[in-house]
Amino acid sequence: MTKKLAALTLSTALLAMAAPAFAQSQGDWTVGVGLGYLDPKSDNGTIAGAPATIDADTRPIFTAEYFIRDNLGIELLAATPFKHTIALGGVDAATVKHLPPTLSVNYHFPTNSAWKPYVGAGLNYTIFFDEQTALGDLKVDDSFGVSLQAGLDYMVSDNGAVRLNVRWFDIDSDVSLNGTNIGTAEIDPFLVGVSYVHKF
């Protein structure tokens, strides 16, 4: 029994040593490219006296992270513009595009396996543009709020990993029509992302 336990312990140690390192050390950079599915919460407030709903969208996402300490990084999230349809009382009323640049501080948990979980918190500045509606001159104000995330990297090489992560954004924007405030869009979306991340 003792010999079997010793052999099992040795085998586990060898497997851990054989796993790709992908250690995040001070001074490292990582760059990620993938797809993000942005899903606003189901109840998006009241606009022009009607309940508002905002649909989901999927777009390419990009990340760059610099490690200021071992396992502790500062990350910038960027994306191509997301486009959403705003429905009022169940009727499509407008479309809008936005960009969600987000700066986060992430902690990557050190493990002895190919799986590397991490968590992060930061600030998001959402830029709305290209508002379109037949109702008049529509304006959705930019938003500034917190962002939280959790993710999991699976190492596929010494310098590469496949990443799955989920982010939440605090996004509330005032909406005006023809210069008059008509309500607040309470978006507060989740972003589910799948990316390839490479370390330099």
C-alpha atoms as a PDB file:
ATOM      1  CA  MET A   1       0.000   0.000   0.000  1.00  0.00           C
ATOM      2  CA  THR A   2       2.826   2.379   0.908  1.00  0.00           C
ATOM      3  CA  LYS A   3       4.608   1.631  -2.391  1.00  0.00           C
ATOM      4  CA  LYS A   4       1.400   2.272  -4.321  1.00  0.00           C
ATOM      5  CA  LEU A   5       0.870   5.589  -2.512  1.00  0.00           C
ATOM      6  CA  ALA A   6       4.455   6.634  -3.189  1.00  0.00           C
ATOM      7  CA  ALA A   7       4.120   5.724  -6.874  1.00  0.00           C
ATOM      8  CA  LEU A   8       0.848   7.672  -7.144  1.00  0.00           C
ATOM      9  CA  THR A   9       2.403  10.722  -5.470  1.00  0.00           C
ATOM     10  CA  LEU A  10       5.407  10.566  -7.811  1.00  0.00           C
ATOM     11  CA  SER A  11       3.167  10.238 -10.875  1.00  0.00           C
ATOM     12  CA  THR A  12       1.085  13.252  -9.794  1.00  0.00           C
ATOM     13  CA  ALA A  13       4.219  15.329  -9.262  1.00  0.00           C
ATOM     14  CA  LEU A  14       5.595  14.377 -12.682  1.00  0.00           C
ATOM     15  CA  LEU A  15       2.315  15.289 -14.365  1.00  0.00           C
ATOM     16  CA  ALA A  16       2.299  18.654 -12.614  1.00  0.00           C
ATOM     17  CA  MET A  17       5.869  19.302 -13.744  1.00  0.00           C
ATOM     18  CA  ALA A  18       4.967  18.304 -17.299  1.00  0.00           C
ATOM     19  CA  ALA A  19       2.010  20.699 -17.482  1.00  0.00           C
ATOM     20  CA  PRO A  20       2.596  23.942 -19.434  1.00  0.00           C
ATOM     21  CA  ALA A  21       3.860  26.648 -17.100  1.00  0.00           C
ATOM     22  CA  PHE A  22       2.048  29.833 -18.251  1.00  0.00           C
ATOM     23  CA  ALA A  23       3.152  31.453 -14.984  1.00  0.00           C
ATOM     24  CA  GLN A  24       2.311  35.151 -14.773  1.00  0.00           C
ATOM     25  CA  SER A  25       5.444  36.934 -13.580  1.00  0.00           C
ATOM     26  CA  GLN A  26       6.111  40.608 -12.972  1.00  0.00           C
ATOM     27  CA  GLY A  27       6.826  42.331 -16.279  1.00  0.00           C
ATOM     28  CA  ASP A  28       4.904  39.826 -18.448  1.00  0.00           C
ATOM     29  CA  TRP A  29       2.368  40.890 -21.080  1.00  0.00           C
ATOM     30  CA  THR A  30      -0.601  38.901 -22.343  1.00  0.00           C
ATOM     31  CA  VAL A  31      -2.784  39.683 -25.360  1.00  0.00           C
ATOM     32  CA  GLY A  32      -6.155  38.036 -25.946  1.00  0.00           C
ATOM     33  CA  VAL A  33      -8.465  37.791 -28.970  1.00  0.00           C
ATOM     34  CA  GLY A  34     -11.912  36.225 -28.909  1.00  0.00           C
ATOM     35  CA  LEU A  35     -15.689  36.654 -29.022  1.00  0.00           C
ATOM     36  CA  GLY A  36     -17.933  38.243 -26.420  1.00  0.00           C
ATOM     37  CA  TYR A  37     -21.687  37.775 -25.944  1.00  0.00           C
ATOM     38  CA  LEU A  38     -23.122  40.885 -24.250  1.00  0.00           C
ATOM     39  CA  ASP A  39     -26.500  40.285 -22.605  1.00  0.00           C
ATOM     40  CA  PRO A  40     -28.277  43.223 -20.876  1.00  0.00           C
ATOM     41  CA  LYS A  41     -30.444  42.427 -17.881  1.00  0.00           C
ATOM     42  CA  SER A  42     -34.095  41.653 -18.652  1.00  0.00           C
ATOM     43  CA  ASP A  43     -35.670  44.778 -17.062  1.00  0.00           C
ATOM     44  CA  ASN A  44     -34.077  47.897 -18.588  1.00  0.00           C
ATOM     45  CA  GLY A  45     -36.109  50.624 -16.896  1.00  0.00           C
ATOM     46  CA  THR A  46     -38.846  52.902 -18.217  1.00  0.00           C
ATOM     47  CA  ILE A  47     -38.304  55.193 -21.214  1.00  0.00           C
ATOM     48  CA  ALA A  48     -41.006  57.583 -22.491  1.00  0.00           C
ATOM     49  CA  GLY A  49     -43.435  55.967 -20.051  1.00  0.00           C
ATOM     50  CA  ALA A  50     -42.991  52.475 -21.506  1.00  0.00           C
ATOM     51  CA  PRO A  51     -41.005  49.487 -20.189  1.00  0.00           C
ATOM     52  CA  ALA A  52     -37.752  49.182 -22.122  1.00  0.00           C
ATOM     53  CA  THR A  53     -35.916  46.067 -23.241  1.00  0.00           C
ATOM     54  CA  ILE A  54     -32.508  45.891 -24.923  1.00  0.00           C
ATOM     55  CA  ASP A  55     -31.415  42.874 -26.942  1.00  0.00           C
ATOM     56  CA  ALA A  56     -28.070  41.007 -26.818  1.00  0.00           C
ATOM     57  CA  ASP A  57     -25.199  41.075 -29.311  1.00  0.00           C
ATOM     58  CA  THR A  58     -21.967  39.170 -30.037  1.00  0.00           C
ATOM     59  CA  ARG A  59     -18.769  40.882 -31.200  1.00  0.00           C
ATOM     60  CA  PRO A  60     -14.981  40.364 -31.272  1.00  0.00           C
ATOM     61  CA  ILE A  61     -13.228  41.322 -28.030  1.00  0.00           C
ATOM     62  CA  PHE A  62      -9.581  42.108 -27.287  1.00  0.00           C
ATOM     63  CA  THR A  63      -7.570  42.253 -24.064  1.00  0.00           C
ATOM     64  CA  ALA A  64      -4.070  43.380 -23.110  1.00  0.00           C
ATOM     65  CA  GLU A  65      -2.722  42.765 -19.609  1.00  0.00           C
ATOM     66  CA  TYR A  66       0.525  43.857 -17.944  1.00  0.00           C
ATOM     67  CA  PHE A  67       1.668  42.140 -14.748  1.00  0.00           C
ATOM     68  CA  ILE A  68       2.804  44.684 -12.170  1.00  0.00           C
ATOM     69  CA  ARG A  69       3.569  41.840  -9.737  1.00  0.00           C
ATOM     70  CA  ASP A  70       3.595  38.057  -9.946  1.00  0.00           C
ATOM     71  CA  ASN A  71      -0.017  36.946 -10.636  1.00  0.00           C
ATOM     72  CA  LEU A  72      -1.334  40.546 -10.398  1.00  0.00           C
ATOM     73  CA  GLY A  73      -2.106  42.319 -13.658  1.00  0.00           C
ATOM     74  CA  ILE A  74      -3.688  45.481 -15.051  1.00  0.00           C
ATOM     75  CA  GLU A  75      -5.932  44.653 -18.011  1.00  0.00           C
ATOM     76  CA  LEU A  76      -7.591  46.727 -20.729  1.00  0.00           C
ATOM     77  CA  LEU A  77     -10.671  45.325 -22.472  1.00  0.00           C
ATOM     78  CA  ALA A  78     -11.657  46.606 -25.924  1.00  0.00           C
ATOM     79  CA  ALA A  79     -14.148  45.432 -28.554  1.00  0.00           C
ATOM     80  CA  THR A  80     -15.632  46.231 -31.906  1.00  0.00           C
ATOM     81  CA  PRO A  81     -18.906  48.185 -31.504  1.00  0.00           C
ATOM     82  CA  PHE A  82     -21.844  46.283 -30.039  1.00  0.00           C
ATOM     83  CA  LYS A  83     -25.222  47.096 -31.618  1.00  0.00           C
ATOM     84  CA  HIS A  84     -28.537  46.838 -29.762  1.00  0.00           C
ATOM     85  CA  THR A  85     -32.218  47.269 -30.531  1.00  0.00           C
ATOM     86  CA  ILE A  86     -34.247  49.137 -27.906  1.00  0.00           C
ATOM     87  CA  ALA A  87     -37.881  48.059 -27.650  1.00  0.00           C
ATOM     88  CA  LEU A  88     -40.500  50.166 -25.834  1.00  0.00           C
ATOM     89  CA  GLY A  89     -43.604  48.313 -24.704  1.00  0.00           C
ATOM     90  CA  GLY A  90     -42.586  45.367 -26.888  1.00  0.00           C
ATOM     91  CA  VAL A  91     -42.234  47.463 -30.077  1.00  0.00           C
ATOM     92  CA  ASP A  92     -38.796  48.067 -31.632  1.00  0.00           C
ATOM     93  CA  ALA A  93     -38.187  51.802 -31.297  1.00  0.00           C
ATOM     94  CA  ALA A  94     -34.466  52.489 -31.781  1.00  0.00           C
ATOM     95  CA  THR A  95     -31.008  51.090 -32.349  1.00  0.00           C
ATOM     96  CA  VAL A  96     -27.747  52.183 -30.739  1.00  0.00           C
ATOM     97  CA  LYS A  97     -24.088  51.210 -30.851  1.00  0.00           C
ATOM     98  CA  HIS A  98     -21.582  51.329 -28.017  1.00  0.00           C
ATOM     99  CA  LEU A  99     -17.970  50.643 -27.090  1.00  0.00           C
ATOM    100  CA  PRO A 100     -17.158  49.334 -23.578  1.00  0.00           C
ATOM    101  CA  PRO A 101     -13.461  50.071 -22.775  1.00  0.00           C
ATOM    102  CA  THR A 102     -12.743  48.678 -19.304  1.00  0.00           C
ATOM    103  CA  LEU A 103      -9.655  48.876 -17.108  1.00  0.00           C
ATOM    104  CA  SER A 104      -9.354  46.130 -14.475  1.00  0.00           C
ATOM    105  CA  VAL A 105      -6.979  44.809 -11.845  1.00  0.00           C
ATOM    106  CA  ASN A 106      -6.871  40.998 -11.983  1.00  0.00           C
ATOM    107  CA  TYR A 107      -5.506  38.421  -9.558  1.00  0.00           C
ATOM    108  CA  HIS A 108      -4.527  35.082 -11.128  1.00  0.00           C
ATOM    109  CA  PHE A 109      -4.486  32.207  -8.650  1.00  0.00           C
ATOM    110  CA  PRO A 110      -1.250  30.168  -8.864  1.00  0.00           C
ATOM    111  CA  THR A 111      -1.941  26.466  -9.372  1.00  0.00           C
ATOM    112  CA  ASN A 112       0.053  23.352 -10.207  1.00  0.00           C
ATOM    113  CA  SER A 113      -2.225  22.381 -13.079  1.00  0.00           C
ATOM    114  CA  ALA A 114      -3.193  23.532 -16.548  1.00  0.00           C
ATOM    115  CA  TRP A 115      -6.248  25.308 -15.088  1.00  0.00           C
ATOM    116  CA  LYS A 116      -5.681  28.891 -13.890  1.00  0.00           C
ATOM    117  CA  PRO A 117      -8.648  30.750 -12.353  1.00  0.00           C
ATOM    118  CA  TYR A 118      -8.655  34.499 -11.807  1.00  0.00           C
ATOM    119  CA  VAL A 119     -10.864  37.331 -10.562  1.00  0.00           C
ATOM    120  CA  GLY A 120     -10.857  41.039 -11.315  1.00  0.00           C
ATOM    121  CA  ALA A 121     -12.476  44.394 -10.621  1.00  0.00           C
ATOM    122  CA  GLY A 122     -12.249  47.693 -12.425  1.00  0.00           C
ATOM    123  CA  LEU A 123     -13.905  50.671 -14.087  1.00  0.00           C
ATOM    124  CA  ASN A 124     -15.908  50.785 -17.298  1.00  0.00           C
ATOM    125  CA  TYR A 125     -16.601  53.784 -19.542  1.00  0.00           C
ATOM    126  CA  THR A 126     -19.330  52.998 -22.061  1.00  0.00           C
ATOM    127  CA  ILE A 127     -19.491  55.229 -25.147  1.00  0.00           C
ATOM    128  CA  PHE A 128     -22.842  55.297 -26.982  1.00  0.00           C
ATOM    129  CA  PHE A 129     -23.129  56.525 -30.566  1.00  0.00           C
ATOM    130  CA  ASP A 130     -25.056  56.165 -33.845  1.00  0.00           C
ATOM    131  CA  GLU A 131     -28.458  56.300 -32.165  1.00  0.00           C
ATOM    132  CA  GLN A 132     -31.192  55.721 -34.757  1.00  0.00           C
ATOM    133  CA  THR A 133     -34.954  56.146 -34.362  1.00  0.00           C
ATOM    134  CA  ALA A 134     -37.958  57.361 -36.353  1.00  0.00           C
ATOM    135  CA  LEU A 135     -39.198  59.242 -33.265  1.00  0.00           C
ATOM    136  CA  GLY A 136     -36.757  62.165 -33.553  1.00  0.00           C
ATOM    137  CA  ASP A 137     -33.306  63.144 -32.295  1.00  0.00           C
ATOM    138  CA  LEU A 138     -32.329  60.384 -29.836  1.00  0.00           C
ATOM    139  CA  LYS A 139     -29.352  60.667 -27.487  1.00  0.00           C
ATOM    140  CA  VAL A 140     -28.060  58.007 -25.058  1.00  0.00           C
ATOM    141  CA  ASP A 141     -25.547  59.438 -22.585  1.00  0.00           C
ATOM    142  CA  ASP A 142     -22.198  57.781 -21.968  1.00  0.00           C
ATOM    143  CA  SER A 143     -21.882  55.791 -18.739  1.00  0.00           C
ATOM    144  CA  PHE A 144     -19.165  55.369 -16.104  1.00  0.00           C
ATOM    145  CA  GLY A 145     -19.329  52.510 -13.577  1.00  0.00           C
ATOM    146  CA  VAL A 146     -17.708  49.518 -11.953  1.00  0.00           C
ATOM    147  CA  SER A 147     -17.005  46.159 -13.588  1.00  0.00           C
ATOM    148  CA  LEU A 148     -16.427  42.742 -12.006  1.00  0.00           C
ATOM    149  CA  GLN A 149     -15.165  39.563 -13.627  1.00  0.00           C
ATOM    150  CA  ALA A 150     -14.169  35.955 -13.032  1.00  0.00           C
ATOM    151  CA  GLY A 151     -12.380  33.726 -15.501  1.00  0.00           C
ATOM    152  CA  LEU A 152     -10.564  30.476 -16.099  1.00  0.00           C
ATOM    153  CA  ASP A 153      -7.536  29.880 -18.323  1.00  0.00           C
ATOM    154  CA  TYR A 154      -6.675  26.458 -19.688  1.00  0.00           C
ATOM    155  CA  MET A 155      -3.041  26.265 -20.766  1.00  0.00           C
ATOM    156  CA  VAL A 156      -2.467  24.774 -24.204  1.00  0.00           C
ATOM    157  CA  SER A 157       1.259  25.613 -24.356  1.00  0.00           C
ATOM    158  CA  ASP A 158       3.949  27.347 -22.307  1.00  0.00           C
ATOM    159  CA  ASN A 159       2.770  30.713 -23.645  1.00  0.00           C
ATOM    160  CA  GLY A 160      -0.828  30.105 -24.748  1.00  0.00           C
ATOM    161  CA  ALA A 161      -4.164  29.544 -23.036  1.00  0.00           C
ATOM    162  CA  VAL A 162      -7.851  29.297 -23.891  1.00  0.00           C
ATOM    163  CA  ARG A 163      -9.847  31.638 -21.659  1.00  0.00           C
ATOM    164  CA  LEU A 164     -13.476  31.589 -20.554  1.00  0.00           C
ATOM    165  CA  ASN A 165     -14.633  34.558 -18.520  1.00  0.00           C
ATOM    166  CA  VAL A 166     -17.757  36.355 -17.347  1.00  0.00           C
ATOM    167  CA  ARG A 167     -17.922  40.103 -16.685  1.00  0.00           C
ATOM    168  CA  TRP A 168     -20.626  42.292 -15.183  1.00  0.00           C
ATOM    169  CA  PHE A 169     -20.884  46.022 -15.939  1.00  0.00           C
ATOM    170  CA  ASP A 170     -22.768  48.731 -14.065  1.00  0.00           C
ATOM    171  CA  ILE A 171     -24.205  50.725 -16.998  1.00  0.00           C
ATOM    172  CA  ASP A 172     -27.034  53.235 -16.464  1.00  0.00           C
ATOM    173  CA  SER A 173     -27.568  55.892 -19.146  1.00  0.00           C
ATOM    174  CA  ASP A 174     -29.929  58.845 -19.392  1.00  0.00           C
ATOM    175  CA  VAL A 175     -31.930  58.906 -22.640  1.00  0.00           C
ATOM    176  CA  SER A 176     -33.185  62.099 -24.265  1.00  0.00           C
ATOM    177  CA  LEU A 177     -35.430  62.659 -27.290  1.00  0.00           C
ATOM    178  CA  ASN A 178     -35.392  66.017 -29.089  1.00  0.00           C
ATOM    179  CA  GLY A 179     -33.465  67.485 -26.151  1.00  0.00           C
ATOM    180  CA  THR A 180     -35.875  66.267 -23.446  1.00  0.00           C
ATOM    181  CA  ASN A 181     -34.958  63.574 -20.921  1.00  0.00           C
ATOM    182  CA  ILE A 182     -37.350  60.645 -21.340  1.00  0.00           C
ATOM    183  CA  GLY A 183     -35.888  58.125 -18.896  1.00  0.00           C
ATOM    184  CA  THR A 184     -32.878  56.042 -17.886  1.00  0.00           C
ATOM    185  CA  ALA A 185     -31.724  52.872 -19.613  1.00  0.00           C
ATOM    186  CA  GLU A 186     -30.653  50.405 -16.904  1.00  0.00           C
ATOM    187  CA  ILE A 187     -28.491  48.030 -18.930  1.00  0.00           C
ATOM    188  CA  ASP A 188     -26.162  46.316 -16.391  1.00  0.00           C
ATOM    189  CA  PRO A 189     -25.114  43.559 -18.826  1.00  0.00           C
ATOM    190  CA  PHE A 190     -23.123  40.362 -18.476  1.00  0.00           C
ATOM    191  CA  LEU A 191     -20.384  39.703 -21.020  1.00  0.00           C
ATOM    192  CA  VAL A 192     -19.487  36.054 -21.615  1.00  0.00           C
ATOM    193  CA  GLY A 193     -16.193  35.753 -23.473  1.00  0.00           C
ATOM    194  CA  VAL A 194     -14.126  32.988 -25.058  1.00  0.00           C
ATOM    195  CA  SER A 195     -10.588  33.963 -26.109  1.00  0.00           C
ATOM    196  CA  TYR A 196      -7.134  32.776 -26.960  1.00  0.00           C
ATOM    197  CA  VAL A 197      -4.557  34.462 -24.719  1.00  0.00           C
ATOM    198  CA  HIS A 198      -0.831  34.618 -25.527  1.00  0.00           C
ATOM    199  CA  LYS A 199       1.962  35.598 -23.138  1.00  0.00           C
ATOM    200  CA  PHE A 200       4.967  37.646 -24.237  1.00  0.00           C
END
